[in-house]
Each structure stands twice: as C-alpha cells, then as structure tokens.
Amino acid sequence: QVQLVESGGGLVQPGGSLRLSCAASGSIFSINDMGWYRQAPEKERELVARRDNVGRTDYAESVKGRFTISRDNAKNTLYLQMSSLKSEDTAVYYCYVTVGSGFAQSTYWGQGTQVTLSS
C-alpha cells in the first residue's frame, strides 16, 4: 500500500510563494500519474496540477503560469511550487498518486495541507 505525507502549507501574503511537498512511501508500482487537488470553502474540488508517467503536465487555468509541479525521484517526493499567490488560492491542498490500470487502478491521497492567503 502507498502512504502520502504532505507538508509545506501555511499562511502567506498575496503575491508570495509557497512550496508544498508530498512524500511517498510503500509499494508504488505502475504509476499512472501524480498531482494535486484543492478544496476551498463553498467551492468545488479542483484539480490544480498533474504529472503523468512520462513527465507530461497539466494545470488548471486558474494557476497556469504561477504553479509548477515537479518530482524528485531520489526522495520519492512530489512538489507544488506556488508563486504569485492570490486570495482565491486559499484552500486545503491534497496530493495524490494513481497506480495500476483498468479495474485494478487505485488512487492514494495525502492528508491535506492548508494554504491560507492573508487578507
């Protein structure tokens, strides 16, 4: 089984930067993709960024040009570098990893880390 432990959230001023980390451990095989969702109060869950098994990335329109997803294979860690932060970026951020395929596909989630923009 896979465990994901998140860190890096906190309070930040608009225009500031923050780096989220997602450390993975366990039996990770046949990784399809990894990424980040966020959940803001009274808003729908949003896929922020993802990286597939060949390094392709996708970003939500609201974060393009400001957020960067990356992975450090040596540390088994996924990152989300957030810059030029806005008040609308306030949310709980959840990392995920999807392994397997078809009916055997499974998705594992981090515990969430709070990002709050001061206002």
C-alpha atoms as a PDB file:
ATOM      1  CA  GLN A   1       0.000   0.000   0.000  1.00  0.00           C
ATOM      2  CA  VAL A   2       1.017   3.607  -0.542  1.00  0.00           C
ATOM      3  CA  GLN A   3       1.297   6.383   2.016  1.00  0.00           C
ATOM      4  CA  LEU A   4       1.500  10.066   1.135  1.00  0.00           C
ATOM      5  CA  VAL A   5       2.566  12.643   3.721  1.00  0.00           C
ATOM      6  CA  GLU A   6       2.104  16.312   2.906  1.00  0.00           C
ATOM      7  CA  SER A   7       3.858  19.362   4.300  1.00  0.00           C
ATOM      8  CA  GLY A   8       4.582  22.979   3.444  1.00  0.00           C
ATOM      9  CA  GLY A   9       1.247  24.693   3.919  1.00  0.00           C
ATOM     10  CA  GLY A  10       0.770  27.838   5.934  1.00  0.00           C
ATOM     11  CA  LEU A  11      -0.207  31.492   5.965  1.00  0.00           C
ATOM     12  CA  VAL A  12       1.197  33.615   3.160  1.00  0.00           C
ATOM     13  CA  GLN A  13       0.664  37.134   1.851  1.00  0.00           C
ATOM     14  CA  PRO A  14      -0.842  37.767  -1.579  1.00  0.00           C
ATOM     15  CA  GLY A  15       1.934  37.805  -4.149  1.00  0.00           C
ATOM     16  CA  GLY A  16       4.053  35.486  -2.045  1.00  0.00           C
ATOM     17  CA  SER A  17       5.313  31.981  -2.691  1.00  0.00           C
ATOM     18  CA  LEU A  18       4.931  28.616  -1.031  1.00  0.00           C
ATOM     19  CA  ARG A  19       6.230  25.125  -1.773  1.00  0.00           C
ATOM     20  CA  LEU A  20       4.156  22.071  -0.927  1.00  0.00           C
ATOM     21  CA  SER A  21       5.747  18.648  -0.542  1.00  0.00           C
ATOM     22  CA  CYS A  22       4.228  15.186  -0.797  1.00  0.00           C
ATOM     23  CA  ALA A  23       6.485  12.350   0.346  1.00  0.00           C
ATOM     24  CA  ALA A  24       5.516   8.897  -0.894  1.00  0.00           C
ATOM     25  CA  SER A  25       6.332   5.519   0.590  1.00  0.00           C
ATOM     26  CA  GLY A  26       5.140   1.940   0.231  1.00  0.00           C
ATOM     27  CA  SER A  27       4.526  -0.340  -2.720  1.00  0.00           C
ATOM     28  CA  ILE A  28       4.452   2.041  -5.653  1.00  0.00           C
ATOM     29  CA  PHE A  29       4.235   0.239  -8.978  1.00  0.00           C
ATOM     30  CA  SER A  30       2.970   1.192 -12.416  1.00  0.00           C
ATOM     31  CA  ILE A  31       2.419   4.845 -11.583  1.00  0.00           C
ATOM     32  CA  ASN A  32      -0.073   6.444 -13.941  1.00  0.00           C
ATOM     33  CA  ASP A  33       0.115   9.969 -12.626  1.00  0.00           C
ATOM     34  CA  MET A  34       0.619  12.147  -9.573  1.00  0.00           C
ATOM     35  CA  GLY A  35      -0.832  15.518  -8.813  1.00  0.00           C
ATOM     36  CA  TRP A  36      -2.590  17.993  -6.576  1.00  0.00           C
ATOM     37  CA  TYR A  37      -6.223  18.809  -5.908  1.00  0.00           C
ATOM     38  CA  ARG A  38      -7.524  21.625  -3.759  1.00  0.00           C
ATOM     39  CA  GLN A  39     -10.739  22.177  -1.848  1.00  0.00           C
ATOM     40  CA  ALA A  40     -11.780  25.692  -0.894  1.00  0.00           C
ATOM     41  CA  PRO A  41     -14.711  26.553   1.384  1.00  0.00           C
ATOM     42  CA  GLU A  42     -18.005  26.596  -0.510  1.00  0.00           C
ATOM     43  CA  LYS A  43     -16.256  25.726  -3.769  1.00  0.00           C
ATOM     44  CA  GLU A  44     -15.954  22.554  -5.813  1.00  0.00           C
ATOM     45  CA  ARG A  45     -12.894  20.365  -5.648  1.00  0.00           C
ATOM     46  CA  GLU A  46     -10.427  21.430  -8.316  1.00  0.00           C
ATOM     47  CA  LEU A  47      -7.582  19.578  -9.985  1.00  0.00           C
ATOM     48  CA  VAL A  48      -4.689  22.016  -9.711  1.00  0.00           C
ATOM     49  CA  ALA A  49      -1.877  20.146 -11.434  1.00  0.00           C
ATOM     50  CA  ARG A  50      -0.862  16.673 -12.507  1.00  0.00           C
ATOM     51  CA  ARG A  51       2.165  14.868 -13.890  1.00  0.00           C
ATOM     52  CA  ASP A  52       1.815  11.585 -15.785  1.00  0.00           C
ATOM     53  CA  ASN A  53       4.200   8.642 -16.051  1.00  0.00           C
ATOM     54  CA  VAL A  54       6.149  10.145 -18.949  1.00  0.00           C
ATOM     55  CA  GLY A  55       6.546  13.602 -17.448  1.00  0.00           C
ATOM     56  CA  ARG A  56       3.703  15.448 -19.147  1.00  0.00           C
ATOM     57  CA  THR A  57       1.989  18.063 -17.009  1.00  0.00           C
ATOM     58  CA  ASP A  58      -1.425  19.705 -16.893  1.00  0.00           C
ATOM     59  CA  TYR A  59      -2.550  22.743 -14.924  1.00  0.00           C
ATOM     60  CA  ALA A  60      -5.845  24.333 -14.056  1.00  0.00           C
ATOM     61  CA  GLU A  61      -6.438  27.541 -15.980  1.00  0.00           C
ATOM     62  CA  SER A  62      -6.547  29.464 -12.725  1.00  0.00           C
ATOM     63  CA  VAL A  63      -2.945  28.547 -11.829  1.00  0.00           C
ATOM     64  CA  LYS A  64      -1.179  28.409 -15.193  1.00  0.00           C
ATOM     65  CA  GLY A  65       1.993  30.451 -15.175  1.00  0.00           C
ATOM     66  CA  ARG A  66       2.044  30.611 -11.379  1.00  0.00           C
ATOM     67  CA  PHE A  67       2.258  26.990 -10.166  1.00  0.00           C
ATOM     68  CA  THR A  68       4.786  24.321 -11.102  1.00  0.00           C
ATOM     69  CA  ILE A  69       4.521  20.608 -10.361  1.00  0.00           C
ATOM     70  CA  SER A  70       7.720  18.584 -10.095  1.00  0.00           C
ATOM     71  CA  ARG A  71       9.029  15.306  -8.719  1.00  0.00           C
ATOM     72  CA  ASP A  72      12.264  14.296  -7.031  1.00  0.00           C
ATOM     73  CA  ASN A  73      12.686  10.592  -7.738  1.00  0.00           C
ATOM     74  CA  ALA A  74      15.603  10.215  -5.319  1.00  0.00           C
ATOM     75  CA  LYS A  75      13.432  11.447  -2.450  1.00  0.00           C
ATOM     76  CA  ASN A  76      10.161   9.919  -3.700  1.00  0.00           C
ATOM     77  CA  THR A  77       8.621  13.330  -3.260  1.00  0.00           C
ATOM     78  CA  LEU A  78       6.175  15.357  -5.309  1.00  0.00           C
ATOM     79  CA  TYR A  79       6.249  19.149  -5.103  1.00  0.00           C
ATOM     80  CA  LEU A  80       3.962  22.020  -5.928  1.00  0.00           C
ATOM     81  CA  GLN A  81       5.772  25.340  -6.220  1.00  0.00           C
ATOM     82  CA  MET A  82       3.259  28.158  -5.903  1.00  0.00           C
ATOM     83  CA  SER A  83       4.136  31.736  -6.811  1.00  0.00           C
ATOM     84  CA  SER A  84       2.232  34.998  -7.208  1.00  0.00           C
ATOM     85  CA  LEU A  85      -0.344  33.653  -4.799  1.00  0.00           C
ATOM     86  CA  LYS A  86      -3.826  35.153  -4.753  1.00  0.00           C
ATOM     87  CA  SER A  87      -6.627  35.147  -2.213  1.00  0.00           C
ATOM     88  CA  GLU A  88      -8.532  32.646  -4.345  1.00  0.00           C
ATOM     89  CA  ASP A  89      -5.706  30.140  -3.853  1.00  0.00           C
ATOM     90  CA  THR A  90      -6.781  29.684  -0.242  1.00  0.00           C
ATOM     91  CA  ALA A  91      -7.718  26.017   0.132  1.00  0.00           C
ATOM     92  CA  VAL A  92      -6.745  22.659   1.525  1.00  0.00           C
ATOM     93  CA  TYR A  93      -4.371  21.035  -0.935  1.00  0.00           C
ATOM     94  CA  TYR A  94      -4.311  17.257  -1.388  1.00  0.00           C
ATOM     95  CA  CYS A  95      -1.679  15.318  -3.274  1.00  0.00           C
ATOM     96  CA  TYR A  96      -2.473  12.021  -4.940  1.00  0.00           C
ATOM     97  CA  VAL A  97      -0.853   9.167  -6.804  1.00  0.00           C
ATOM     98  CA  THR A  98      -2.642   6.767  -9.126  1.00  0.00           C
ATOM     99  CA  VAL A  99      -1.205   3.302  -9.718  1.00  0.00           C
ATOM    100  CA  GLY A 100      -2.233   0.299 -11.785  1.00  0.00           C
ATOM    101  CA  SER A 101      -4.677   0.355 -14.651  1.00  0.00           C
ATOM    102  CA  GLY A 102      -8.215  -0.575 -15.573  1.00  0.00           C
ATOM    103  CA  PHE A 103     -10.210  -2.182 -12.785  1.00  0.00           C
ATOM    104  CA  ALA A 104      -7.018  -2.628 -10.750  1.00  0.00           C
ATOM    105  CA  GLN A 105      -6.307   1.096 -10.714  1.00  0.00           C
ATOM    106  CA  SER A 106      -6.051   2.712  -7.285  1.00  0.00           C
ATOM    107  CA  THR A 107      -5.649   6.271  -6.101  1.00  0.00           C
ATOM    108  CA  TYR A 108      -3.978   7.219  -2.834  1.00  0.00           C
ATOM    109  CA  TRP A 109      -4.284  10.571  -1.098  1.00  0.00           C
ATOM    110  CA  GLY A 110      -2.262  12.737   1.224  1.00  0.00           C
ATOM    111  CA  GLN A 111      -3.791  14.060   4.427  1.00  0.00           C
ATOM    112  CA  GLY A 112      -4.121  17.595   3.099  1.00  0.00           C
ATOM    113  CA  THR A 113      -2.260  20.781   3.925  1.00  0.00           C
ATOM    114  CA  GLN A 114      -3.881  24.178   4.466  1.00  0.00           C
ATOM    115  CA  VAL A 115      -2.785  27.145   2.375  1.00  0.00           C
ATOM    116  CA  THR A 116      -4.206  30.453   3.565  1.00  0.00           C
ATOM    117  CA  LEU A 117      -3.755  33.833   1.919  1.00  0.00           C
ATOM    118  CA  SER A 118      -3.883  36.749   4.320  1.00  0.00           C
ATOM    119  CA  SER A 119      -6.481  39.397   3.549  1.00  0.00           C
END
